[in-house]
Amino acid sequence: MIFAPWISEYATVWDVETNLGLEALLILVGAVLGACLGSFAHATAWRLNRGISLFMPSTCDQCRAPLTLAMNLPIIGWLICRGKCQHCKQPIHFNMLLSEILMAFLAAFIITGFAWPSSALLISAMTFLWIAMISDANALVIDLRIIAIIAISGGVMLIGTTHPHAIFIGLAGLFVPAGCIYGLSLCYMIIRGERGFGNADPWLMAAIGIWTGAIGGILVFVGAAWIGVIYWVLIRLLRQKSIKLLPFGVLLGISFITYIIA
């Protein structure tokens, strides 16, 4: 089975003529929710990478001044402040705005594309996947607690799925794609004497595999590899330089999001 059973079971088919108003409302709600979650994901990844408590009030990265209400508003706050701290006038990184916009689009897609409760579980998984991707991109580190939440949300989804082989598909997705990464990493270690993947990459693949099933997980893994190849070629052609390290967690995340949308 290429797609995990929940995808067809919970996918929403809209009647545009009768549900246009409801769908528009859901898109708005999803976009607002996604923007807030994108802001949360960016801030959480930033704090995890620096060992800062997640419960401290939001402050400017430069001057440490508490953020005003306007600065805390997702997307709108960045635009109102023109991308600068209202206290020290230092620029607020554009990645924050980009994270909020992308999560807004993703959450709007999920909340209109899948029925409750799968939409809530999937948005939760995507939020923590987003944290893992940002953390991996910035510091080549993924907190295993974040991966565990992605896996747990997938397990909850499987429990609520009526497909008779859902648990088997989820367990196969847990072990088979992650086993592929671990096996390739082991072969690379034998040949080159160094690891081919990061320590957290097999665990992240296992968590994603619970959502996708074995075959879907392999598709996500292969897709991530090709995304990495394309990125390497583009950097080689445009910047005339090679890349020795790629955050594979980011590539897995992009491939998984593409898989869900496709």
Protein backbone atom coordinates (compact mmCIF):
# COMPACT_ATOMS: atom_id res chain seq x y z
CA MET A 1 0.00 0.00 0.00
CA ILE A 2 1.60 3.26 -1.14
CA PHE A 3 -0.53 5.52 1.05
CA ALA A 4 -1.24 4.89 4.70
CA PRO A 5 -4.95 4.06 5.31
CA TRP A 6 -5.80 7.29 7.13
CA ILE A 7 -5.10 9.38 4.01
CA SER A 8 -8.04 7.97 2.07
CA GLU A 9 -10.20 7.41 5.16
CA TYR A 10 -10.04 10.98 6.47
CA ALA A 11 -9.56 12.93 3.24
CA THR A 12 -12.31 15.52 2.76
CA VAL A 13 -14.20 15.84 -0.52
CA TRP A 14 -15.83 19.27 -0.78
CA ASP A 15 -18.96 20.21 -2.68
CA VAL A 16 -17.88 23.67 -3.81
CA GLU A 17 -21.43 24.94 -4.45
CA THR A 18 -22.83 24.08 -1.02
CA ASN A 19 -19.75 24.36 1.19
CA LEU A 20 -17.93 27.39 -0.25
CA GLY A 21 -18.63 29.57 2.81
CA LEU A 22 -17.59 26.88 5.28
CA GLU A 23 -14.42 26.12 3.33
CA ALA A 24 -13.50 29.81 3.22
CA LEU A 25 -13.98 30.03 7.00
CA LEU A 26 -11.83 26.93 7.55
CA ILE A 27 -9.10 28.34 5.32
CA LEU A 28 -9.07 31.55 7.38
CA VAL A 29 -9.02 29.66 10.68
CA GLY A 30 -6.29 27.34 9.40
CA ALA A 31 -4.17 30.22 8.14
CA VAL A 32 -4.39 32.12 11.44
CA LEU A 33 -3.68 28.98 13.44
CA GLY A 34 -0.80 28.01 11.15
CA ALA A 35 0.80 31.46 11.39
CA CYS A 36 0.71 31.24 15.20
CA LEU A 37 2.16 27.72 15.12
CA GLY A 38 4.86 28.82 12.68
CA SER A 39 5.88 31.57 15.10
CA PHE A 40 5.83 29.06 17.96
CA ALA A 41 7.92 26.56 15.98
CA HIS A 42 10.57 29.12 15.05
CA ALA A 43 10.86 30.43 18.61
CA THR A 44 10.93 26.92 20.08
CA ALA A 45 13.68 25.73 17.72
CA TRP A 46 15.73 28.86 18.45
CA ARG A 47 15.46 28.30 22.20
CA LEU A 48 16.14 24.56 22.07
CA ASN A 49 19.33 25.14 20.08
CA ARG A 50 20.56 27.58 22.74
CA GLY A 51 19.35 25.80 25.85
CA ILE A 52 16.92 28.60 26.76
CA SER A 53 13.76 27.85 28.72
CA LEU A 54 10.63 27.58 26.60
CA PHE A 55 8.58 29.31 29.28
CA MET A 56 10.45 32.61 29.36
CA PRO A 57 8.68 35.69 27.92
CA SER A 58 9.56 36.52 24.32
CA THR A 59 12.46 38.94 23.96
CA CYS A 60 14.49 40.51 21.16
CA ASP A 61 17.43 38.34 20.12
CA GLN A 62 19.72 41.38 20.08
CA CYS A 63 18.83 43.69 23.01
CA ARG A 64 16.82 41.18 25.12
CA ALA A 65 13.99 43.71 25.54
CA PRO A 66 10.52 42.16 26.00
CA LEU A 67 8.55 42.04 22.77
CA THR A 68 5.48 44.26 22.56
CA LEU A 69 2.06 42.93 21.60
CA ALA A 70 2.46 44.27 18.07
CA MET A 71 5.81 42.50 17.65
CA ASN A 72 4.29 39.20 18.84
CA LEU A 73 1.53 39.16 16.22
CA PRO A 74 2.35 36.54 13.57
CA ILE A 75 3.05 38.00 10.10
CA ILE A 76 1.24 41.26 10.90
CA GLY A 77 3.70 42.08 13.69
CA TRP A 78 6.69 41.67 11.38
CA LEU A 79 5.08 43.93 8.79
CA ILE A 80 4.00 46.58 11.33
CA CYS A 81 7.50 46.75 12.77
CA ARG A 82 8.99 46.66 9.25
CA GLY A 83 11.14 43.72 10.20
CA LYS A 84 12.92 45.59 13.01
CA CYS A 85 12.86 45.52 16.81
CA GLN A 86 10.97 48.52 18.15
CA HIS A 87 13.59 48.97 20.89
CA CYS A 88 17.05 48.54 19.33
CA LYS A 89 15.99 48.85 15.65
CA GLN A 90 17.98 45.73 14.80
CA PRO A 91 16.47 43.61 12.00
CA ILE A 92 14.25 40.66 12.89
CA HIS A 93 15.33 37.67 10.85
CA PHE A 94 13.24 37.14 7.72
CA ASN A 95 13.12 33.41 8.51
CA MET A 96 10.58 34.16 11.25
CA LEU A 97 8.17 35.69 8.74
CA LEU A 98 8.81 32.90 6.25
CA SER A 99 8.10 30.25 8.90
CA GLU A 100 4.78 31.88 9.78
CA ILE A 101 3.68 32.23 6.15
CA LEU A 102 4.57 28.66 5.18
CA MET A 103 2.86 27.17 8.22
CA ALA A 104 -0.21 29.32 7.52
CA PHE A 105 -0.51 27.81 4.03
CA LEU A 106 0.19 24.28 5.29
CA ALA A 107 -2.34 24.43 8.14
CA ALA A 108 -4.99 25.92 5.85
CA PHE A 109 -4.43 23.05 3.42
CA ILE A 110 -4.62 20.39 6.14
CA ILE A 111 -7.69 21.76 7.89
CA THR A 112 -9.62 21.85 4.59
CA GLY A 113 -8.13 18.64 3.18
CA PHE A 114 -8.69 16.26 6.10
CA ALA A 115 -11.55 15.62 8.49
CA TRP A 116 -11.42 15.91 12.25
CA PRO A 117 -9.55 14.55 14.23
CA SER A 118 -6.93 13.67 11.63
CA SER A 119 -6.51 17.35 10.72
CA ALA A 120 -5.70 18.28 14.34
CA LEU A 121 -3.23 15.41 14.73
CA LEU A 122 -1.57 16.14 11.39
CA ILE A 123 -1.24 19.87 12.14
CA SER A 124 0.32 18.92 15.49
CA ALA A 125 2.77 16.57 13.77
CA MET A 126 3.62 19.20 11.15
CA THR A 127 4.25 21.84 13.84
CA PHE A 128 6.80 19.68 15.62
CA LEU A 129 8.25 18.54 12.30
CA TRP A 130 8.70 22.23 11.53
CA ILE A 131 10.58 22.67 14.82
CA ALA A 132 12.83 19.73 13.92
CA MET A 133 13.51 21.15 10.44
CA ILE A 134 14.40 24.63 11.72
CA SER A 135 16.61 23.17 14.44
CA ASP A 136 18.39 20.90 11.97
CA ALA A 137 18.87 23.73 9.47
CA ASN A 138 20.34 26.06 12.08
CA ALA A 139 22.44 23.71 14.20
CA LEU A 140 22.35 20.22 12.60
CA VAL A 141 20.63 19.01 15.79
CA ILE A 142 17.15 17.53 16.33
CA ASP A 143 15.77 17.06 19.83
CA LEU A 144 14.56 13.48 20.25
CA ARG A 145 11.61 14.73 22.34
CA ILE A 146 10.33 16.56 19.26
CA ILE A 147 10.63 13.38 17.19
CA ALA A 148 8.78 11.44 19.91
CA ILE A 149 5.80 13.82 19.70
CA ILE A 150 5.62 13.32 15.91
CA ALA A 151 5.66 9.55 16.43
CA ILE A 152 3.05 9.63 19.22
CA SER A 153 0.64 11.73 17.14
CA GLY A 154 1.00 9.18 14.32
CA GLY A 155 0.33 6.34 16.75
CA VAL A 156 -2.84 8.05 17.96
CA MET A 157 -3.94 8.37 14.33
CA LEU A 158 -3.40 4.66 13.74
CA ILE A 159 -5.42 3.73 16.83
CA GLY A 160 -8.38 5.73 15.50
CA THR A 161 -8.17 4.27 11.99
CA THR A 162 -10.69 1.56 11.09
CA HIS A 163 -8.46 -0.10 8.48
CA PRO A 164 -7.90 -3.73 9.63
CA HIS A 165 -4.17 -3.61 8.88
CA ALA A 166 -3.50 -0.07 10.13
CA ILE A 167 -1.29 -1.13 13.06
CA PHE A 168 0.75 -3.46 10.84
CA ILE A 169 1.22 -0.73 8.25
CA GLY A 170 2.29 1.72 10.95
CA LEU A 171 4.78 -0.71 12.49
CA ALA A 172 6.20 -1.50 9.05
CA GLY A 173 6.55 2.23 8.44
CA LEU A 174 8.29 2.57 11.80
CA PHE A 175 11.01 0.03 11.06
CA VAL A 176 11.50 -0.37 7.29
CA PRO A 177 12.38 3.20 6.13
CA ALA A 178 14.45 3.87 9.26
CA GLY A 179 16.20 0.55 8.67
CA CYS A 180 17.10 1.71 5.16
CA ILE A 181 18.76 4.84 6.55
CA TYR A 182 20.55 2.90 9.27
CA GLY A 183 21.76 0.26 6.78
CA LEU A 184 23.07 2.87 4.34
CA SER A 185 24.76 4.74 7.18
CA LEU A 186 26.41 1.51 8.32
CA CYS A 187 27.66 0.77 4.79
CA TYR A 188 29.01 4.31 4.50
CA MET A 189 30.77 3.87 7.84
CA ILE A 190 32.41 0.66 6.64
CA ILE A 191 33.52 2.18 3.32
CA ARG A 192 34.44 5.72 4.36
CA GLY A 193 34.99 5.39 8.08
CA GLU A 194 32.42 8.07 8.97
CA ARG A 195 28.67 8.36 9.43
CA GLY A 196 26.58 9.08 6.36
CA PHE A 197 23.59 10.41 8.32
CA GLY A 198 23.06 12.29 11.56
CA ASN A 199 22.23 10.42 14.77
CA ALA A 200 18.62 11.69 14.76
CA ASP A 201 17.87 11.04 11.06
CA PRO A 202 16.80 7.37 11.44
CA TRP A 203 14.58 8.32 14.39
CA LEU A 204 12.92 11.11 12.42
CA MET A 205 12.40 8.75 9.50
CA ALA A 206 10.81 6.22 11.87
CA ALA A 207 8.41 8.86 13.22
CA ILE A 208 7.45 9.91 9.69
CA GLY A 209 7.09 6.25 8.68
CA ILE A 210 4.33 5.75 11.24
CA TRP A 211 2.32 8.30 9.28
CA THR A 212 3.21 7.04 5.80
CA GLY A 213 3.56 3.28 6.10
CA ALA A 214 6.57 1.35 4.80
CA ILE A 215 6.26 2.09 1.08
CA GLY A 216 5.26 5.69 1.67
CA GLY A 217 8.22 6.08 4.02
CA ILE A 218 10.60 4.76 1.38
CA LEU A 219 9.11 7.22 -1.10
CA VAL A 220 9.70 10.04 1.39
CA PHE A 221 13.29 8.87 1.93
CA VAL A 222 14.03 8.64 -1.80
CA GLY A 223 12.35 12.00 -2.37
CA ALA A 224 14.53 13.58 0.34
CA ALA A 225 17.64 12.15 -1.30
CA TRP A 226 16.68 13.60 -4.68
CA ILE A 227 15.87 16.98 -3.14
CA GLY A 228 19.38 16.94 -1.66
CA VAL A 229 20.90 16.07 -5.04
CA ILE A 230 19.01 18.86 -6.80
CA TYR A 231 20.02 21.36 -4.09
CA TRP A 232 23.68 20.29 -4.33
CA VAL A 233 23.66 20.67 -8.13
CA LEU A 234 22.05 24.12 -7.93
CA ILE A 235 24.59 25.32 -5.36
CA ARG A 236 27.40 23.86 -7.46
CA LEU A 237 26.18 25.65 -10.59
CA LEU A 238 25.15 28.97 -9.07
CA ARG A 239 27.78 29.48 -6.38
CA GLN A 240 30.59 27.37 -7.81
CA LYS A 241 31.18 25.54 -4.55
CA SER A 242 30.48 22.11 -3.05
CA ILE A 243 28.48 21.19 0.04
CA LYS A 244 29.88 18.59 2.42
CA LEU A 245 27.03 18.53 4.93
CA LEU A 246 23.29 18.74 4.30
CA PRO A 247 20.67 18.80 7.08
CA PHE A 248 18.91 15.59 6.04
CA GLY A 249 16.15 16.22 8.58
CA VAL A 250 15.15 19.28 6.56
CA LEU A 251 15.11 17.22 3.37
CA LEU A 252 12.96 14.54 5.02
CA GLY A 253 10.56 17.21 6.24
CA ILE A 254 10.21 18.78 2.80
CA SER A 255 9.68 15.37 1.21
CA PHE A 256 7.07 14.37 3.83
CA ILE A 257 5.13 17.62 3.38
CA THR A 258 5.22 17.09 -0.40
CA TYR A 259 3.97 13.53 0.12
CA ILE A 260 1.01 14.74 2.22
CA ILE A 261 0.05 17.43 -0.29
CA ALA A 262 0.46 15.13 -3.28
